[in-house]
Structures are given as C-alpha cells and as structure tokens.
Protein backbone atom coordinates (compact mmCIF):
# COMPACT_ATOMS: atom_id res chain seq x y z
CA UNK A 1 -0.25 0.49 0.36
CA UNK A 2 1.02 3.41 -0.93
CA UNK A 3 1.28 5.98 2.50
CA UNK A 4 0.72 9.92 2.00
CA UNK A 5 3.01 11.66 4.20
CA UNK A 6 0.69 14.34 3.94
CA UNK A 7 -2.17 16.37 5.33
CA UNK A 8 -3.02 17.97 2.64
CA UNK A 9 -7.20 17.49 1.93
CA UNK A 10 -6.57 18.70 -1.98
CA UNK A 11 -3.95 16.04 -2.22
CA UNK A 12 -5.89 13.36 -0.19
CA UNK A 13 -9.07 14.18 -2.60
CA UNK A 14 -6.90 13.42 -5.98
CA UNK A 15 -5.59 9.97 -4.92
CA UNK A 16 -9.08 9.06 -3.38
CA UNK A 17 -10.67 10.91 -6.99
CA UNK A 18 -8.40 8.24 -9.18
CA UNK A 19 -9.07 5.08 -6.58
CA UNK A 20 -5.61 4.88 -5.76
CA UNK A 21 -5.61 2.92 -2.05
CA UNK A 22 -3.44 4.42 0.28
CA UNK A 23 -2.93 5.50 4.23
CA UNK A 24 -1.87 9.39 5.68
CA UNK A 25 1.29 9.67 7.96
CA UNK A 26 2.28 13.10 8.53
CA UNK A 27 6.05 13.90 7.92
CA UNK A 28 5.77 17.11 10.42
CA UNK A 29 8.95 18.75 8.82
CA UNK A 30 10.23 22.65 9.99
CA UNK A 31 9.33 23.34 5.86
CA UNK A 32 9.80 27.33 6.40
CA UNK A 33 13.46 26.47 7.36
CA UNK A 34 14.40 24.04 4.93
CA UNK A 35 13.07 26.26 2.44
CA UNK A 36 14.63 29.23 3.21
CA UNK A 37 17.70 27.61 3.93
CA UNK A 38 17.48 26.52 0.28
CA UNK A 39 16.34 30.16 -1.07
CA UNK A 40 19.95 31.22 0.34
CA UNK A 41 21.97 29.32 -1.31
CA UNK A 42 20.58 29.66 -4.24
CA UNK A 43 18.54 26.50 -5.16
CA UNK A 44 15.76 27.20 -8.10
CA UNK A 45 12.21 27.23 -6.48
CA UNK A 46 11.80 23.91 -8.52
CA UNK A 47 14.43 21.95 -7.11
CA UNK A 48 13.52 23.25 -3.14
CA UNK A 49 9.48 22.02 -4.27
CA UNK A 50 11.73 18.35 -5.06
CA UNK A 51 13.82 18.79 -1.86
CA UNK A 52 10.26 19.53 0.18
CA UNK A 53 8.39 16.72 -1.02
CA UNK A 54 11.83 14.24 -0.54
CA UNK A 55 12.22 15.61 2.97
CA UNK A 56 8.41 14.63 3.54
CA UNK A 57 8.60 11.23 2.05
CA UNK A 58 11.99 10.28 3.77
CA UNK A 59 10.13 11.69 7.38
CA UNK A 60 7.56 9.36 6.97
CA UNK A 61 9.41 6.76 6.11
CA UNK A 62 11.03 5.79 8.88
CA UNK A 63 8.18 4.80 10.52
CA UNK A 64 6.80 2.86 7.81
CA UNK A 65 10.01 1.72 6.39
CA UNK A 66 8.69 -1.50 4.57
CA UNK A 67 6.02 0.54 2.54
CA UNK A 68 5.86 3.17 -0.20
CA UNK A 69 5.78 6.65 1.06
CA UNK A 70 4.75 9.51 -1.33
CA UNK A 71 5.80 13.00 -0.43
CA UNK A 72 4.60 16.19 -2.00
CA UNK A 73 4.88 19.52 -2.15
CA UNK A 74 4.25 22.92 -4.27
CA UNK A 75 6.11 26.31 -4.77
CA UNK A 76 4.94 29.43 -6.90
CA UNK A 77 7.13 31.25 -8.03
CA UNK A 78 6.51 34.49 -9.47
CA UNK A 79 7.37 36.10 -12.88
CA UNK A 80 10.07 37.84 -10.41
CA UNK A 81 11.42 34.99 -9.55
CA UNK A 82 10.46 35.11 -6.22
CA UNK A 83 8.67 32.53 -3.82
CA UNK A 84 5.60 33.28 -2.47
CA UNK A 85 4.26 31.76 1.09
CA UNK A 86 1.01 30.66 2.10
CA UNK A 87 -1.40 34.38 3.15
CA UNK A 88 -0.85 34.94 6.86
CA UNK A 89 -4.07 37.06 7.22
CA UNK A 90 -6.47 38.20 4.13
CA UNK A 91 -4.44 41.74 4.30
CA UNK A 92 -1.47 39.51 3.44
CA UNK A 93 -3.75 37.35 0.65
CA UNK A 94 -5.07 41.52 -0.99
CA UNK A 95 -0.96 41.92 -1.81
CA UNK A 96 -0.04 38.79 -3.13
CA UNK A 97 -3.11 38.86 -5.82
CA UNK A 98 -2.47 42.26 -6.23
CA UNK A 99 1.36 41.51 -6.90
CA UNK A 100 0.20 38.55 -9.16
CA UNK A 101 -2.16 40.14 -11.19
CA UNK A 102 -2.03 41.08 -14.97
CA UNK A 103 1.51 38.40 -14.85
CA UNK A 104 2.19 34.90 -15.75
CA UNK A 105 3.36 32.64 -12.40
CA UNK A 106 5.09 29.23 -13.05
CA UNK A 107 3.98 26.28 -10.18
CA UNK A 108 6.33 23.45 -8.88
CA UNK A 109 4.18 20.00 -7.82
CA UNK A 110 7.08 18.12 -7.04
CA UNK A 111 6.17 14.03 -5.53
CA UNK A 112 8.73 11.70 -4.55
CA UNK A 113 8.38 7.84 -3.65
CA UNK A 114 10.86 6.55 -1.25
CA UNK A 115 11.20 2.70 0.19
CA UNK A 116 13.92 1.64 2.21
CA UNK A 117 14.99 4.76 3.19
CA UNK A 118 15.93 5.62 -0.35
CA UNK A 119 14.05 8.09 -3.19
CA UNK A 120 12.88 5.30 -5.76
CA UNK A 121 10.87 7.77 -8.29
CA UNK A 122 10.60 11.49 -8.67
CA UNK A 123 9.01 13.39 -10.53
CA UNK A 124 8.31 17.63 -11.03
CA UNK A 125 5.17 19.43 -12.58
CA UNK A 126 5.16 22.57 -13.84
CA UNK A 127 2.19 24.99 -14.66
CA UNK A 128 1.84 28.49 -16.16
CA UNK A 129 -0.89 30.23 -14.83
CA UNK A 130 -1.85 33.90 -16.31
CA UNK A 131 -3.85 36.15 -14.07
CA UNK A 132 -5.67 38.49 -15.63
CA UNK A 133 -5.85 41.81 -14.59
CA UNK A 134 -7.93 42.38 -11.52
CA UNK A 135 -9.65 44.95 -10.37
CA UNK A 136 -8.67 46.21 -6.78
CA UNK A 137 -12.70 46.19 -5.82
CA UNK A 138 -12.97 42.67 -7.20
CA UNK A 139 -9.61 41.17 -5.00
CA UNK A 140 -10.98 42.78 -2.03
CA UNK A 141 -14.77 41.09 -2.49
CA UNK A 142 -13.09 37.25 -3.26
CA UNK A 143 -10.15 37.64 -0.55
CA UNK A 144 -13.48 38.63 1.65
CA UNK A 145 -15.97 35.77 0.64
CA UNK A 146 -13.44 33.14 0.39
CA UNK A 147 -10.63 33.51 2.91
CA UNK A 148 -11.68 30.76 4.59
CA UNK A 149 -10.96 28.37 2.01
CA UNK A 150 -8.07 30.77 0.40
CA UNK A 151 -6.23 31.22 3.34
CA UNK A 152 -4.26 28.19 3.34
CA UNK A 153 -3.25 27.92 -0.05
CA UNK A 154 -0.23 29.69 -2.03
CA UNK A 155 -1.57 32.12 -4.47
CA UNK A 156 -4.62 33.02 -2.43
CA UNK A 157 -6.60 30.53 -4.77
CA UNK A 158 -8.24 27.37 -5.24
CA UNK A 159 -8.67 26.48 -9.08
CA UNK A 160 -11.55 23.98 -8.87
CA UNK A 161 -13.40 26.98 -7.15
CA UNK A 162 -13.47 30.61 -7.64
CA UNK A 163 -10.67 30.87 -8.03
CA UNK A 164 -10.90 29.83 -11.72
CA UNK A 165 -12.25 33.78 -11.68
CA UNK A 166 -8.16 35.23 -11.50
CA UNK A 167 -6.96 33.67 -14.94
CA UNK A 168 -7.43 34.25 -18.95
CA UNK A 169 -5.38 30.79 -19.15
CA UNK A 170 -3.04 28.10 -17.66
CA UNK A 171 -0.46 25.88 -19.43
CA UNK A 172 -0.11 22.34 -18.06
CA UNK A 173 -2.75 20.12 -16.53
CA UNK A 174 -5.27 20.41 -13.24
CA UNK A 175 -3.64 18.53 -11.06
CA UNK A 176 -0.58 20.01 -11.33
CA UNK A 177 -2.36 23.39 -9.98
CA UNK A 178 -4.21 21.17 -7.43
CA UNK A 179 -0.72 19.95 -5.86
CA UNK A 180 0.23 17.39 -7.55
CA UNK A 181 1.57 15.71 -10.60
CA UNK A 182 -1.05 12.91 -10.75
CA UNK A 183 -0.66 11.05 -14.43
CA UNK A 184 3.07 10.69 -13.82
CA UNK A 185 2.15 9.09 -10.26
CA UNK A 186 -0.38 6.91 -11.51
CA UNK A 187 2.09 5.42 -14.42
CA UNK A 188 4.78 4.78 -11.87
CA UNK A 189 2.33 3.27 -9.44
CA UNK A 190 0.32 1.13 -12.32
CA UNK A 191 4.14 -0.20 -12.91
CA UNK A 192 4.55 -1.45 -9.55
CA UNK A 193 1.47 -3.01 -9.86
CA UNK A 194 -0.20 -1.08 -7.20
CA UNK A 195 -3.16 0.08 -9.64
CA UNK A 196 -4.39 -2.07 -12.59
CA UNK A 197 -2.91 -1.58 -15.25
C-alpha cells in the first residue's frame, strides 16, 4: 500500500478520486526553515519543491520503512523569480493577488516516493498560470468572501473553486495546479502493480 506523507486535503482528494489505495502518515518537517535555507543557497524554486517532497517522504518513511511513501510539495514562483508563501492574513492575501495581477507565475508540483529509506521515483510538474488584470474591488471582495478556503493556499486560490475567476488561461494540467503531478504518479503505480493496468 502507498503511504501519503501529507495532511493536505487536496492531495488526499486527488488520490481518493483516482481510486488509489493509500493511508496517511504525517511528515512533520519544518518546511519554512528548509525552504529558507535552500533559497539562501540559491536553489531554484523547482528544486526546492523537489527537496521538500523528498524530505516529507523520507521523514514519514522512517516510521514505515517497509512501505512506499509519497511526499509532495508545491512552490509558487512569480514572474520575477520570487517564491510566495501562504498568506498569513486577508490583507496579506490582497497584497499577493495585487502583485500577481496581470502577470504569469509558475507552479512547481513535486512528488517523490521513498522505499526502504531511499528515493525510488520522483517527478516535478510545472504549470504556468496567467492571472488576468484584477480590479482592486474584485480582489477585496474575493478575499473577504473566500478567505476561509484560500487562507491556506499559496497564491490565494483553489482552481477547482472561485479561484478559476483569477485566470485568463493556464498552461499545464489541473493536477499540477492542485498540488501533485497525478498522471505520472499513476503511471509509476501501474508499473509497480499497485494499480490495475
């Protein structure tokens, strides 16, 4: 059985919807310090997403060494090459959306599977999100109305909900946007005969 090293409801929902048998073991890593340390070393946002996914899988894998453990992470990279974190307050969300308005940004969604204490598979998906020009009144109303669901999301949106209104178009698949490169993952699980082929 696959172990998901995440408490993300979006990732759980993706695996559930795809009929993947899995259980959850939370990883409990200090994502902020790992991200800050790698960023200070000049690591690219893509590679930071990959490193965080591996760290989660390795941590949870120490408790379940006999299992295949999946770690996943997502990084938002602005058009200026900066990384955004989850907003702390509604005012922070408004500032983020105003900064993203009218510009593209990249989402890097990484997944790593660890077995027996070592990584055996990894994939990093990329989606380019083209944010339409957003009016100030729209941004404020959007944040006020949806803060409860967007407050824990990088970029302040859930693409499967009202967040779809923020974009003119998207390059990449919806699973990468939602936080995990699901199609490559399913391909690997079929190769390992954990899913029917």
